[in-house]
Amino acid sequence: MRMKIAEYLKSLIKADTLDSSKSFALVLSSLVGALIGLCVCFCLIWDVCTNGYLKTELDALGLFMLCIGGFMAGGGINKALSEKRNNRDKPINKEG
């Protein structure tokens, strides 16, 4: 499993492959967003375990997480739009 993921990431970096830089940006933004989300969860759990209550401002944290979601969506919007354009340009073969 690890080798397949590593090979896929290597193919995203190589030029002239079927995998594009848009895919690499999508994968990278998803991984970074997930890592940041895990860090936020760890910080909240750490805050409760050390103080016994939440000292963190949750409204600012919610805005931060919203921005992370926008970052992840921004990484995927290029790929989604290009896939939509490529599918629209292909002719549809109707048999029958």
N, C-alpha and C. Protein backbone atom coordinates (compact mmCIF):
# COMPACT_ATOMS: atom_id res chain seq x y z
N MET A 1 0.83 -1.20 0.00
CA MET A 1 0.00 0.00 0.00
C MET A 1 0.87 1.26 0.00
N ARG A 2 1.90 1.27 0.83
CA ARG A 2 2.76 2.45 0.90
C ARG A 2 3.48 2.68 -0.42
N MET A 3 3.92 1.60 -1.05
CA MET A 3 4.64 1.73 -2.31
C MET A 3 3.73 2.31 -3.39
N LYS A 4 2.47 1.92 -3.39
CA LYS A 4 1.56 2.45 -4.39
C LYS A 4 1.36 3.94 -4.20
N ILE A 5 1.24 4.38 -2.96
CA ILE A 5 1.07 5.81 -2.68
C ILE A 5 2.33 6.56 -3.07
N ALA A 6 3.49 6.03 -2.72
CA ALA A 6 4.75 6.69 -3.07
C ALA A 6 4.94 6.75 -4.58
N GLU A 7 4.60 5.65 -5.28
CA GLU A 7 4.72 5.65 -6.74
C GLU A 7 3.75 6.64 -7.37
N TYR A 8 2.55 6.76 -6.81
CA TYR A 8 1.57 7.70 -7.33
C TYR A 8 2.06 9.13 -7.14
N LEU A 9 2.60 9.44 -5.97
CA LEU A 9 3.13 10.78 -5.73
C LEU A 9 4.32 11.08 -6.65
N LYS A 10 5.15 10.08 -6.92
CA LYS A 10 6.26 10.28 -7.85
C LYS A 10 5.75 10.54 -9.26
N SER A 11 4.69 9.84 -9.65
CA SER A 11 4.15 10.04 -11.00
C SER A 11 3.49 11.41 -11.13
N LEU A 12 2.99 11.97 -10.02
CA LEU A 12 2.42 13.31 -10.08
C LEU A 12 3.48 14.37 -10.33
N ILE A 13 4.68 14.11 -9.84
CA ILE A 13 5.77 15.07 -9.98
C ILE A 13 6.38 15.00 -11.37
N LYS A 14 6.44 13.81 -11.98
CA LYS A 14 7.07 13.65 -13.29
C LYS A 14 6.30 14.39 -14.37
N ALA A 15 7.04 14.87 -15.34
CA ALA A 15 6.41 15.56 -16.48
C ALA A 15 5.97 14.54 -17.53
N ASP A 16 5.01 14.92 -18.32
CA ASP A 16 4.49 14.12 -19.44
C ASP A 16 3.92 12.77 -19.00
N THR A 17 3.24 12.76 -17.88
CA THR A 17 2.53 11.56 -17.47
C THR A 17 1.04 11.85 -17.52
N LEU A 18 0.24 10.82 -17.37
CA LEU A 18 -1.20 11.03 -17.39
C LEU A 18 -1.68 11.79 -16.16
N ASP A 19 -0.94 11.66 -15.08
CA ASP A 19 -1.27 12.41 -13.86
C ASP A 19 -0.74 13.82 -14.02
N SER A 20 -1.53 14.79 -13.64
CA SER A 20 -1.15 16.18 -13.91
C SER A 20 -0.75 16.91 -12.63
N SER A 21 -0.26 18.11 -12.82
CA SER A 21 0.09 18.94 -11.67
C SER A 21 -1.17 19.35 -10.91
N LYS A 22 -2.31 19.38 -11.60
CA LYS A 22 -3.57 19.68 -10.92
C LYS A 22 -3.91 18.59 -9.92
N SER A 23 -3.64 17.35 -10.29
CA SER A 23 -3.85 16.24 -9.35
C SER A 23 -2.91 16.35 -8.17
N PHE A 24 -1.67 16.74 -8.44
CA PHE A 24 -0.69 16.90 -7.37
C PHE A 24 -1.13 17.99 -6.41
N ALA A 25 -1.63 19.11 -6.95
CA ALA A 25 -2.10 20.20 -6.09
C ALA A 25 -3.28 19.76 -5.25
N LEU A 26 -4.18 18.97 -5.83
CA LEU A 26 -5.33 18.46 -5.09
C LEU A 26 -4.90 17.53 -3.96
N VAL A 27 -4.00 16.61 -4.27
CA VAL A 27 -3.52 15.67 -3.25
C VAL A 27 -2.77 16.42 -2.15
N LEU A 28 -1.92 17.34 -2.55
CA LEU A 28 -1.13 18.09 -1.57
C LEU A 28 -2.00 18.95 -0.67
N SER A 29 -2.98 19.65 -1.24
CA SER A 29 -3.84 20.49 -0.41
C SER A 29 -4.71 19.65 0.51
N SER A 30 -5.13 18.48 0.05
CA SER A 30 -5.90 17.59 0.91
C SER A 30 -5.07 17.07 2.08
N LEU A 31 -3.83 16.69 1.79
CA LEU A 31 -2.96 16.20 2.86
C LEU A 31 -2.64 17.30 3.88
N VAL A 32 -2.35 18.49 3.39
CA VAL A 32 -2.03 19.60 4.29
C VAL A 32 -3.26 19.98 5.12
N GLY A 33 -4.43 20.03 4.49
CA GLY A 33 -5.66 20.34 5.22
C GLY A 33 -5.98 19.31 6.28
N ALA A 34 -5.77 18.03 5.95
CA ALA A 34 -6.01 16.97 6.93
C ALA A 34 -5.02 17.06 8.09
N LEU A 35 -3.78 17.36 7.79
CA LEU A 35 -2.76 17.50 8.83
C LEU A 35 -3.09 18.67 9.76
N ILE A 36 -3.52 19.78 9.19
CA ILE A 36 -3.88 20.94 10.01
C ILE A 36 -5.10 20.63 10.86
N GLY A 37 -6.08 19.92 10.29
CA GLY A 37 -7.26 19.52 11.06
C GLY A 37 -6.89 18.62 12.23
N LEU A 38 -5.98 17.68 12.00
CA LEU A 38 -5.53 16.82 13.10
C LEU A 38 -4.78 17.61 14.17
N CYS A 39 -3.99 18.58 13.75
CA CYS A 39 -3.28 19.43 14.72
C CYS A 39 -4.27 20.23 15.57
N VAL A 40 -5.31 20.75 14.94
CA VAL A 40 -6.32 21.51 15.68
C VAL A 40 -7.03 20.60 16.69
N CYS A 41 -7.38 19.39 16.26
CA CYS A 41 -8.02 18.44 17.19
C CYS A 41 -7.10 18.11 18.35
N PHE A 42 -5.82 17.89 18.06
CA PHE A 42 -4.87 17.60 19.13
C PHE A 42 -4.75 18.77 20.11
N CYS A 43 -4.71 19.98 19.57
CA CYS A 43 -4.60 21.16 20.44
C CYS A 43 -5.83 21.32 21.33
N LEU A 44 -7.01 21.06 20.79
CA LEU A 44 -8.23 21.14 21.61
C LEU A 44 -8.23 20.08 22.71
N ILE A 45 -7.84 18.87 22.37
CA ILE A 45 -7.79 17.80 23.38
C ILE A 45 -6.72 18.13 24.43
N TRP A 46 -5.58 18.64 23.99
CA TRP A 46 -4.51 19.01 24.92
C TRP A 46 -4.97 20.13 25.85
N ASP A 47 -5.70 21.09 25.32
CA ASP A 47 -6.20 22.20 26.12
C ASP A 47 -7.15 21.71 27.20
N VAL A 48 -8.02 20.79 26.86
CA VAL A 48 -8.97 20.26 27.85
C VAL A 48 -8.25 19.41 28.88
N CYS A 49 -7.29 18.62 28.44
CA CYS A 49 -6.58 17.74 29.39
C CYS A 49 -5.70 18.51 30.36
N THR A 50 -5.10 19.61 29.92
CA THR A 50 -4.21 20.35 30.82
C THR A 50 -4.96 21.32 31.72
N ASN A 51 -5.98 22.01 31.19
CA ASN A 51 -6.70 23.01 31.97
C ASN A 51 -7.99 22.48 32.59
N GLY A 52 -8.56 21.49 31.97
CA GLY A 52 -9.86 21.00 32.41
C GLY A 52 -11.01 21.72 31.73
N TYR A 53 -10.71 22.70 30.89
CA TYR A 53 -11.72 23.44 30.14
C TYR A 53 -11.08 23.97 28.87
N LEU A 54 -11.91 24.47 27.95
CA LEU A 54 -11.39 25.04 26.71
C LEU A 54 -11.05 26.51 26.93
N LYS A 55 -9.80 26.85 26.71
CA LYS A 55 -9.38 28.23 26.81
C LYS A 55 -9.29 28.88 25.42
N THR A 56 -9.44 28.06 24.39
CA THR A 56 -9.32 28.50 23.01
C THR A 56 -10.57 29.24 22.56
N GLU A 57 -10.41 30.27 21.75
CA GLU A 57 -11.55 30.97 21.18
C GLU A 57 -12.08 30.15 20.02
N LEU A 58 -13.25 29.56 20.20
CA LEU A 58 -13.78 28.66 19.19
C LEU A 58 -14.32 29.39 17.97
N ASP A 59 -14.73 30.64 18.11
CA ASP A 59 -15.21 31.37 16.93
C ASP A 59 -14.05 31.67 15.98
N ALA A 60 -12.90 32.04 16.51
CA ALA A 60 -11.73 32.27 15.66
C ALA A 60 -11.22 30.96 15.07
N LEU A 61 -11.32 29.89 15.84
CA LEU A 61 -10.90 28.59 15.35
C LEU A 61 -11.82 28.10 14.23
N GLY A 62 -13.12 28.39 14.37
CA GLY A 62 -14.06 28.03 13.31
C GLY A 62 -13.77 28.78 12.03
N LEU A 63 -13.41 30.04 12.12
CA LEU A 63 -13.05 30.82 10.94
C LEU A 63 -11.76 30.29 10.32
N PHE A 64 -10.82 29.90 11.16
CA PHE A 64 -9.58 29.30 10.67
C PHE A 64 -9.86 28.01 9.91
N MET A 65 -10.73 27.17 10.45
CA MET A 65 -11.06 25.91 9.78
C MET A 65 -11.82 26.16 8.47
N LEU A 66 -12.62 27.21 8.44
CA LEU A 66 -13.31 27.58 7.21
C LEU A 66 -12.29 27.99 6.14
N CYS A 67 -11.27 28.70 6.54
CA CYS A 67 -10.21 29.09 5.60
C CYS A 67 -9.44 27.87 5.11
N ILE A 68 -9.22 26.90 5.97
CA ILE A 68 -8.54 25.67 5.56
C ILE A 68 -9.40 24.93 4.54
N GLY A 69 -10.71 24.91 4.76
CA GLY A 69 -11.62 24.30 3.78
C GLY A 69 -11.56 25.01 2.44
N GLY A 70 -11.45 26.33 2.47
CA GLY A 70 -11.29 27.09 1.23
C GLY A 70 -9.99 26.78 0.53
N PHE A 71 -8.93 26.57 1.31
CA PHE A 71 -7.64 26.18 0.76
C PHE A 71 -7.73 24.83 0.07
N MET A 72 -8.41 23.89 0.71
CA MET A 72 -8.57 22.57 0.11
C MET A 72 -9.45 22.63 -1.14
N ALA A 73 -10.50 23.42 -1.10
CA ALA A 73 -11.37 23.57 -2.27
C ALA A 73 -10.62 24.26 -3.41
N GLY A 74 -9.78 25.22 -3.08
CA GLY A 74 -9.00 25.90 -4.09
C GLY A 74 -8.01 24.98 -4.78
N GLY A 75 -7.51 23.99 -4.04
CA GLY A 75 -6.62 23.02 -4.65
C GLY A 75 -7.33 22.11 -5.63
N GLY A 76 -8.61 21.91 -5.45
CA GLY A 76 -9.35 21.00 -6.31
C GLY A 76 -10.16 21.65 -7.40
N ILE A 77 -10.36 22.96 -7.32
CA ILE A 77 -11.24 23.62 -8.30
C ILE A 77 -10.64 23.60 -9.70
N ASN A 78 -9.32 23.72 -9.81
CA ASN A 78 -8.68 23.65 -11.13
C ASN A 78 -8.94 22.31 -11.79
N LYS A 79 -8.77 21.25 -11.02
CA LYS A 79 -8.98 19.91 -11.58
C LYS A 79 -10.43 19.70 -11.95
N ALA A 80 -11.34 20.13 -11.11
CA ALA A 80 -12.76 19.95 -11.39
C ALA A 80 -13.18 20.70 -12.65
N LEU A 81 -12.72 21.93 -12.80
CA LEU A 81 -13.08 22.71 -13.99
C LEU A 81 -12.46 22.14 -15.26
N SER A 82 -11.21 21.68 -15.17
CA SER A 82 -10.58 21.11 -16.37
C SER A 82 -11.21 19.78 -16.75
N GLU A 83 -11.59 18.97 -15.78
CA GLU A 83 -12.28 17.71 -16.08
C GLU A 83 -13.63 17.98 -16.72
N LYS A 84 -14.33 18.99 -16.23
CA LYS A 84 -15.63 19.33 -16.80
C LYS A 84 -15.47 19.81 -18.24
N ARG A 85 -14.44 20.63 -18.49
CA ARG A 85 -14.20 21.12 -19.84
C ARG A 85 -13.80 19.99 -20.77
N ASN A 86 -12.93 19.08 -20.30
CA ASN A 86 -12.48 17.97 -21.14
C ASN A 86 -13.64 17.02 -21.45
N ASN A 87 -14.52 16.80 -20.50
CA ASN A 87 -15.66 15.93 -20.76
C ASN A 87 -16.66 16.58 -21.70
N ARG A 88 -16.76 17.88 -21.67
CA ARG A 88 -17.68 18.59 -22.55
C ARG A 88 -17.17 18.57 -23.99
N ASP A 89 -15.86 18.62 -24.18
CA ASP A 89 -15.27 18.67 -25.52
C ASP A 89 -15.28 17.31 -26.22
N LYS A 90 -15.39 16.21 -25.47
CA LYS A 90 -15.38 14.89 -26.07
C LYS A 90 -16.72 14.61 -26.73
N PRO A 91 -16.71 14.04 -27.95
CA PRO A 91 -17.99 13.70 -28.58
C PRO A 91 -18.61 12.47 -27.91
N ILE A 92 -19.91 12.45 -27.90
CA ILE A 92 -20.64 11.34 -27.29
C ILE A 92 -21.04 10.37 -28.40
N ASN A 93 -20.63 9.12 -28.25
CA ASN A 93 -20.98 8.09 -29.23
C ASN A 93 -22.27 7.43 -28.81
N LYS A 94 -23.29 7.55 -29.63
CA LYS A 94 -24.56 6.90 -29.34
C LYS A 94 -24.73 5.72 -30.28
N GLU A 95 -24.80 4.55 -29.69
CA GLU A 95 -25.00 3.35 -30.50
C GLU A 95 -26.43 2.87 -30.33
N GLY A 96 -26.95 2.32 -31.40
CA GLY A 96 -28.27 1.73 -31.28
C GLY A 96 -29.31 2.33 -32.05
